PDB file of N, CA and C in Angstrom:
ATOM      1  N   MET A   1       5.708  17.856 -15.176  1.00  0.00           N
ATOM      2  CA  MET A   1       6.119  16.419 -15.051  1.00  0.00           C
ATOM      3  C   MET A   1       5.192  15.789 -14.104  1.00  0.00           C
ATOM      4  N   GLY A   2       4.557  14.595 -14.514  1.00  0.00           N
ATOM      5  CA  GLY A   2       3.620  13.939 -13.650  1.00  0.00           C
ATOM      6  C   GLY A   2       4.282  12.885 -12.733  1.00  0.00           C
ATOM      7  N   PHE A   3       3.602  12.357 -11.762  1.00  0.00           N
ATOM      8  CA  PHE A   3       4.118  11.326 -10.907  1.00  0.00           C
ATOM      9  C   PHE A   3       3.981   9.929 -11.596  1.00  0.00           C
ATOM     10  N   THR A   4       4.874   9.188 -11.270  1.00  0.00           N
ATOM     11  CA  THR A   4       4.965   7.858 -11.809  1.00  0.00           C
ATOM     12  C   THR A   4       3.980   7.023 -11.026  1.00  0.00           C
ATOM     13  N   LYS A   5       3.067   6.334 -11.593  1.00  0.00           N
ATOM     14  CA  LYS A   5       2.161   5.349 -10.962  1.00  0.00           C
ATOM     15  C   LYS A   5       2.825   4.131 -10.754  1.00  0.00           C
ATOM     16  N   ILE A   6       2.450   3.493  -9.682  1.00  0.00           N
ATOM     17  CA  ILE A   6       3.052   2.022  -9.238  1.00  0.00           C
ATOM     18  C   ILE A   6       2.101   1.027  -9.644  1.00  0.00           C
ATOM     19  N   VAL A   7       2.536  -0.095 -10.095  1.00  0.00           N
ATOM     20  CA  VAL A   7       1.568  -1.194 -10.457  1.00  0.00           C
ATOM     21  C   VAL A   7       1.503  -2.223  -9.333  1.00  0.00           C
ATOM     22  N   CYS A   8       0.364  -2.550  -9.071  1.00  0.00           N
ATOM     23  CA  CYS A   8      -0.004  -3.585  -7.980  1.00  0.00           C
ATOM     24  C   CYS A   8       0.457  -4.876  -8.448  1.00  0.00           C
ATOM     25  N   ASN A   9       1.242  -5.738  -7.749  1.00  0.00           N
ATOM     26  CA  ASN A   9       1.763  -7.037  -8.122  1.00  0.00           C
ATOM     27  C   ASN A   9       0.620  -8.128  -8.137  1.00  0.00           C
ATOM     28  N   ILE A  10      -0.511  -7.675  -7.427  1.00  0.00           N
ATOM     29  CA  ILE A  10      -1.685  -8.713  -7.325  1.00  0.00           C
ATOM     30  C   ILE A  10      -2.672  -8.354  -8.486  1.00  0.00           C
ATOM     31  N   CYS A  11      -3.262  -7.168  -8.480  1.00  0.00           N
ATOM     32  CA  CYS A  11      -4.311  -6.955  -9.340  1.00  0.00           C
ATOM     33  C   CYS A  11      -3.899  -6.268 -10.707  1.00  0.00           C
ATOM     34  N   SER A  12      -2.539  -5.823 -10.781  1.00  0.00           N
ATOM     35  CA  SER A  12      -2.034  -5.089 -11.982  1.00  0.00           C
ATOM     36  C   SER A  12      -2.648  -3.714 -12.156  1.00  0.00           C
ATOM     37  N   MET A  13      -3.295  -3.201 -11.144  1.00  0.00           N
ATOM     38  CA  MET A  13      -3.919  -1.806 -11.287  1.00  0.00           C
ATOM     39  C   MET A  13      -2.693  -0.723 -10.892  1.00  0.00           C
ATOM     40  N   ASN A  14      -2.706   0.467 -11.640  1.00  0.00           N
ATOM     41  CA  ASN A  14      -1.940   1.545 -11.129  1.00  0.00           C
ATOM     42  C   ASN A  14      -2.479   2.175  -9.900  1.00  0.00           C
ATOM     43  N   TYR A  15      -1.523   2.620  -9.061  1.00  0.00           N
ATOM     44  CA  TYR A  15      -2.000   3.367  -7.826  1.00  0.00           C
ATOM     45  C   TYR A  15      -0.838   4.274  -7.484  1.00  0.00           C
ATOM     46  N   ASP A  16      -1.294   5.391  -6.589  1.00  0.00           N
ATOM     47  CA  ASP A  16      -0.528   6.358  -6.113  1.00  0.00           C
ATOM     48  C   ASP A  16       0.263   5.756  -4.913  1.00  0.00           C
ATOM     49  N   ASP A  17       1.386   6.250  -4.587  1.00  0.00           N
ATOM     50  CA  ASP A  17       2.265   5.589  -3.549  1.00  0.00           C
ATOM     51  C   ASP A  17       1.490   5.813  -2.218  1.00  0.00           C
ATOM     52  N   TRP A  18       1.540   4.862  -1.318  1.00  0.00           N
ATOM     53  CA  TRP A  18       1.002   5.040   0.017  1.00  0.00           C
ATOM     54  C   TRP A  18       1.801   4.189   0.968  1.00  0.00           C
ATOM     55  N   GLU A  19       1.523   4.496   2.309  1.00  0.00           N
ATOM     56  CA  GLU A  19       2.250   3.664   3.311  1.00  0.00           C
ATOM     57  C   GLU A  19       1.471   3.438   4.474  1.00  0.00           C
ATOM     58  N   VAL A  20       1.810   2.476   5.263  1.00  0.00           N
ATOM     59  CA  VAL A  20       1.415   2.129   6.646  1.00  0.00           C
ATOM     60  C   VAL A  20       2.564   1.950   7.468  1.00  0.00           C
ATOM     61  N   SER A  21       2.378   1.827   8.764  1.00  0.00           N
ATOM     62  CA  SER A  21       3.459   1.529   9.716  1.00  0.00           C
ATOM     63  C   SER A  21       4.127   0.258   9.413  1.00  0.00           C
ATOM     64  N   PHE A  22       5.349   0.055   9.803  1.00  0.00           N
ATOM     65  CA  PHE A  22       5.974  -1.304   9.766  1.00  0.00           C
ATOM     66  C   PHE A  22       5.131  -2.431  10.457  1.00  0.00           C
ATOM     67  N   LYS A  23       4.749  -2.033  11.558  1.00  0.00           N
ATOM     68  CA  LYS A  23       3.925  -2.984  12.444  1.00  0.00           C
ATOM     69  C   LYS A  23       2.520  -3.525  11.456  1.00  0.00           C
ATOM     70  N   GLU A  24       1.999  -2.509  10.910  1.00  0.00           N
ATOM     71  CA  GLU A  24       0.740  -2.922  10.204  1.00  0.00           C
ATOM     72  C   GLU A  24       1.097  -3.559   8.947  1.00  0.00           C
ATOM     73  N   TRP A  25       2.280  -3.260   8.316  1.00  0.00           N
ATOM     74  CA  TRP A  25       2.677  -3.939   7.089  1.00  0.00           C
ATOM     75  C   TRP A  25       2.992  -5.478   7.420  1.00  0.00           C
ATOM     76  N   HIS A  26       3.563  -5.727   8.583  1.00  0.00           N
ATOM     77  CA  HIS A  26       3.960  -7.030   8.898  1.00  0.00           C
ATOM     78  C   HIS A  26       2.753  -7.970   9.246  1.00  0.00           C
ATOM     79  N   LEU A  27       1.583  -7.378   9.291  1.00  0.00           N
ATOM     80  CA  LEU A  27       0.408  -8.238   9.572  1.00  0.00           C
ATOM     81  C   LEU A  27       0.002  -9.147   8.377  1.00  0.00           C
ATOM     82  N   ILE A  28       0.501  -8.716   7.221  1.00  0.00           N
ATOM     83  CA  ILE A  28       0.239  -9.466   6.033  1.00  0.00           C
ATOM     84  C   ILE A  28       1.293 -10.702   5.935  1.00  0.00           C
ATOM     85  N   ASP A  29       0.890 -11.731   5.101  1.00  0.00           N
ATOM     86  CA  ASP A  29       1.833 -12.824   4.819  1.00  0.00           C
ATOM     87  C   ASP A  29       3.198 -12.395   4.500  1.00  0.00           C
ATOM     88  N   VAL A  30       4.245 -13.008   4.964  1.00  0.00           N
ATOM     89  CA  VAL A  30       5.555 -12.511   4.735  1.00  0.00           C
ATOM     90  C   VAL A  30       5.970 -12.762   3.241  1.00  0.00           C
ATOM     91  N   ALA A  31       5.346 -13.639   2.392  1.00  0.00           N
ATOM     92  CA  ALA A  31       5.596 -13.797   1.126  1.00  0.00           C
ATOM     93  C   ALA A  31       5.182 -12.586   0.343  1.00  0.00           C
ATOM     94  N   LEU A  32       4.147 -11.742   0.915  1.00  0.00           N
ATOM     95  CA  LEU A  32       3.691 -10.619   0.135  1.00  0.00           C
ATOM     96  C   LEU A  32       4.355  -9.245   0.552  1.00  0.00           C
ATOM     97  N   GLN A  33       5.110  -9.313   1.448  1.00  0.00           N
ATOM     98  CA  GLN A  33       5.649  -8.082   2.227  1.00  0.00           C
ATOM     99  C   GLN A  33       6.559  -7.352   1.157  1.00  0.00           C
ATOM    100  N   PRO A  34       7.304  -8.047   0.338  1.00  0.00           N
ATOM    101  CA  PRO A  34       8.236  -7.395  -0.672  1.00  0.00           C
ATOM    102  C   PRO A  34       7.540  -6.816  -1.900  1.00  0.00           C
ATOM    103  N   LEU A  35       6.252  -7.241  -1.978  1.00  0.00           N
ATOM    104  CA  LEU A  35       5.522  -6.841  -3.228  1.00  0.00           C
ATOM    105  C   LEU A  35       4.876  -5.442  -3.207  1.00  0.00           C
ATOM    106  N   ASN A  36       4.661  -4.813  -4.363  1.00  0.00           N
ATOM    107  CA  ASN A  36       3.862  -3.544  -4.421  1.00  0.00           C
ATOM    108  C   ASN A  36       2.390  -3.966  -4.339  1.00  0.00           C
ATOM    109  N   LEU A  37       1.719  -3.504  -3.353  1.00  0.00           N
ATOM    110  CA  LEU A  37       0.178  -3.757  -3.224  1.00  0.00           C
ATOM    111  C   LEU A  37      -0.521  -2.435  -3.215  1.00  0.00           C
ATOM    112  N   CYS A  38      -1.557  -2.405  -3.983  1.00  0.00           N
ATOM    113  CA  CYS A  38      -2.501  -1.147  -3.883  1.00  0.00           C
ATOM    114  C   CYS A  38      -3.171  -1.357  -2.648  1.00  0.00           C
ATOM    115  N   PRO A  39      -3.761  -0.164  -2.237  1.00  0.00           N
ATOM    116  CA  PRO A  39      -4.491  -0.173  -0.742  1.00  0.00           C
ATOM    117  C   PRO A  39      -5.609  -1.268  -0.795  1.00  0.00           C
ATOM    118  N   GLU A  40      -6.314  -1.542  -1.798  1.00  0.00           N
ATOM    119  CA  GLU A  40      -7.455  -2.437  -1.805  1.00  0.00           C
ATOM    120  C   GLU A  40      -6.888  -3.862  -1.733  1.00  0.00           C
ATOM    121  N   CYS A  41      -5.737  -4.281  -2.361  1.00  0.00           N
ATOM    122  CA  CYS A  41      -5.293  -5.605  -2.124  1.00  0.00           C
ATOM    123  C   CYS A  41      -4.658  -5.736  -0.740  1.00  0.00           C
ATOM    124  N   TYR A  42      -3.967  -4.683  -0.260  1.00  0.00           N
ATOM    125  CA  TYR A  42      -3.358  -4.691   1.168  1.00  0.00           C
ATOM    126  C   TYR A  42      -4.653  -5.068   2.098  1.00  0.00           C
ATOM    127  N   ARG A  43      -5.784  -4.335   2.018  1.00  0.00           N
ATOM    128  CA  ARG A  43      -6.899  -4.573   2.978  1.00  0.00           C
ATOM    129  C   ARG A  43      -7.467  -5.984   2.556  1.00  0.00           C
ATOM    130  N   THR A  44      -7.427  -6.526   1.392  1.00  0.00           N
ATOM    131  CA  THR A  44      -8.058  -8.019   1.174  1.00  0.00           C
ATOM    132  C   THR A  44      -7.019  -8.836   1.901  1.00  0.00           C
ATOM    133  N   GLN A  45      -5.656  -8.653   1.791  1.00  0.00           N
ATOM    134  CA  GLN A  45      -4.723  -9.486   2.456  1.00  0.00           C
ATOM    135  C   GLN A  45      -4.822  -9.548   3.918  1.00  0.00           C
ATOM    136  N   LEU A  46      -5.171  -8.290   4.502  1.00  0.00           N
ATOM    137  CA  LEU A  46      -5.404  -8.199   5.953  1.00  0.00           C
ATOM    138  C   LEU A  46      -6.632  -9.108   6.361  1.00  0.00           C
ATOM    139  N   GLN A  47      -7.777  -9.040   5.564  1.00  0.00           N
ATOM    140  CA  GLN A  47      -8.850  -9.835   5.815  1.00  0.00           C
ATOM    141  C   GLN A  47      -8.517 -11.332   5.756  1.00  0.00           C
ATOM    142  N   SER A  48      -7.823 -11.738   4.744  1.00  0.00           N
ATOM    143  CA  SER A  48      -7.274 -13.033   4.544  1.00  0.00           C
ATOM    144  C   SER A  48      -6.486 -13.618   5.791  1.00  0.00           C
ATOM    145  N   ALA A  49      -5.729 -12.688   6.344  1.00  0.00           N
ATOM    146  CA  ALA A  49      -4.878 -13.014   7.550  1.00  0.00           C
ATOM    147  C   ALA A  49      -5.684 -12.877   8.783  1.00  0.00           C
ATOM    148  N   GLY A  50      -6.905 -12.532   8.838  1.00  0.00           N
ATOM    149  CA  GLY A  50      -7.694 -12.481  10.154  1.00  0.00           C
ATOM    150  C   GLY A  50      -7.674 -11.147  10.740  1.00  0.00           C
ATOM    151  N   PHE A  51      -7.100 -10.094  10.109  1.00  0.00           N
ATOM    152  CA  PHE A  51      -6.976  -8.743  10.613  1.00  0.00           C
ATOM    153  C   PHE A  51      -7.987  -7.705  10.041  1.00  0.00           C
ATOM    154  N   GLY A  52      -9.022  -8.179   9.321  1.00  0.00           N
ATOM    155  CA  GLY A  52      -9.895  -7.230   8.621  1.00  0.00           C
ATOM    156  C   GLY A  52     -10.731  -6.353   9.609  1.00  0.00           C
ATOM    157  N   HIS A  53     -10.788  -6.830  10.983  1.00  0.00           N
ATOM    158  CA  HIS A  53     -11.589  -5.903  11.892  1.00  0.00           C
ATOM    159  C   HIS A  53     -10.734  -4.765  12.379  1.00  0.00           C
ATOM    160  N   LEU A  54      -9.340  -4.744  12.113  1.00  0.00           N
ATOM    161  CA  LEU A  54      -8.504  -3.528  12.575  1.00  0.00           C
ATOM    162  C   LEU A  54      -8.752  -2.345  11.770  1.00  0.00           C
ATOM    163  N   GLU A  55      -8.665  -1.180  12.392  1.00  0.00           N
ATOM    164  CA  GLU A  55      -8.554   0.104  11.692  1.00  0.00           C
ATOM    165  C   GLU A  55      -7.244   0.496  11.336  1.00  0.00           C
ATOM    166  N   ILE A  56      -6.883   0.520  10.072  1.00  0.00           N
ATOM    167  CA  ILE A  56      -5.561   0.764   9.637  1.00  0.00           C
ATOM    168  C   ILE A  56      -5.538   2.029   8.908  1.00  0.00           C
ATOM    169  N   ARG A  57      -4.665   2.905   9.274  1.00  0.00           N
ATOM    170  CA  ARG A  57      -4.575   4.205   8.591  1.00  0.00           C
ATOM    171  C   ARG A  57      -3.582   4.208   7.457  1.00  0.00           C
ATOM    172  N   ILE A  58      -4.152   4.421   6.345  1.00  0.00           N
ATOM    173  CA  ILE A  58      -3.279   4.415   5.110  1.00  0.00           C
ATOM    174  C   ILE A  58      -2.948   5.789   4.793  1.00  0.00           C
ATOM    175  N   LEU A  59      -1.656   6.231   4.658  1.00  0.00           N
ATOM    176  CA  LEU A  59      -1.367   7.517   4.288  1.00  0.00           C
ATOM    177  C   LEU A  59      -0.775   7.499   2.861  1.00  0.00           C
ATOM    178  N   PHE A  60      -1.373   8.531   2.070  1.00  0.00           N
ATOM    179  CA  PHE A  60      -0.803   8.619   0.656  1.00  0.00           C
ATOM    180  C   PHE A  60       0.232   9.722   0.688  1.00  0.00           C
ATOM    181  N   SER A  61       1.347   9.353  -0.075  1.00  0.00           N
ATOM    182  CA  SER A  61       2.450  10.312  -0.189  1.00  0.00           C
ATOM    183  C   SER A  61       2.184  11.307  -1.168  1.00  0.00           C
ATOM    184  N   ILE A  62       2.319  12.492  -0.754  1.00  0.00           N
ATOM    185  CA  ILE A  62       2.197  13.699  -1.601  1.00  0.00           C
ATOM    186  C   ILE A  62       3.583  14.362  -1.587  1.00  0.00           C
ATOM    187  N   LEU A  63       4.073  14.524  -2.792  1.00  0.00           N
ATOM    188  CA  LEU A  63       5.512  15.251  -2.827  1.00  0.00           C
ATOM    189  C   LEU A  63       5.266  16.626  -3.408  1.00  0.00           C
ATOM    190  N   TYR A  64       5.938  17.591  -2.840  1.00  0.00           N
ATOM    191  CA  TYR A  64       5.718  18.832  -3.316  1.00  0.00           C
ATOM    192  C   TYR A  64       7.186  19.328  -3.705  1.00  0.00           C
ATOM    193  N   PHE A  65       7.409  19.890  -4.808  1.00  0.00           N
ATOM    194  CA  PHE A  65       8.718  20.306  -5.367  1.00  0.00           C
ATOM    195  C   PHE A  65       8.500  21.951  -5.593  1.00  0.00           C
ATOM    196  N   LEU A  66       9.681  22.463  -5.085  1.00  0.00           N
ATOM    197  CA  LEU A  66       9.762  23.990  -5.225  1.00  0.00           C
ATOM    198  C   LEU A  66      10.585  24.133  -6.342  1.00  0.00           C
ATOM    199  N   CYS A  67      10.101  24.999  -7.428  1.00  0.00           N
ATOM    200  CA  CYS A  67      10.829  25.394  -8.536  1.00  0.00           C
ATOM    201  C   CYS A  67      11.384  26.761  -8.266  1.00  0.00           C
ATOM    202  N   GLY A  68      12.794  26.805  -8.505  1.00  0.00           N
ATOM    203  CA  GLY A  68      13.414  28.188  -8.315  1.00  0.00           C
ATOM    204  C   GLY A  68      13.682  28.952  -9.392  1.00  0.00           C
TER     205      GLY A  68
END
């Protein structure tokens, strides 16, 4: 069984789940925070908000399932 891809609400591309800290997520415009954003669109929004110079660590979620 494969992982479900998430669709970015800005560019409509499929992407794997990822995360940043709440502090880093709240650097983008409040209207975009409830949306699904791919890492590229998130970085673009950071640049638009004037935070493009920050080094943001993006963590991709990897799920492991043990089959018994």
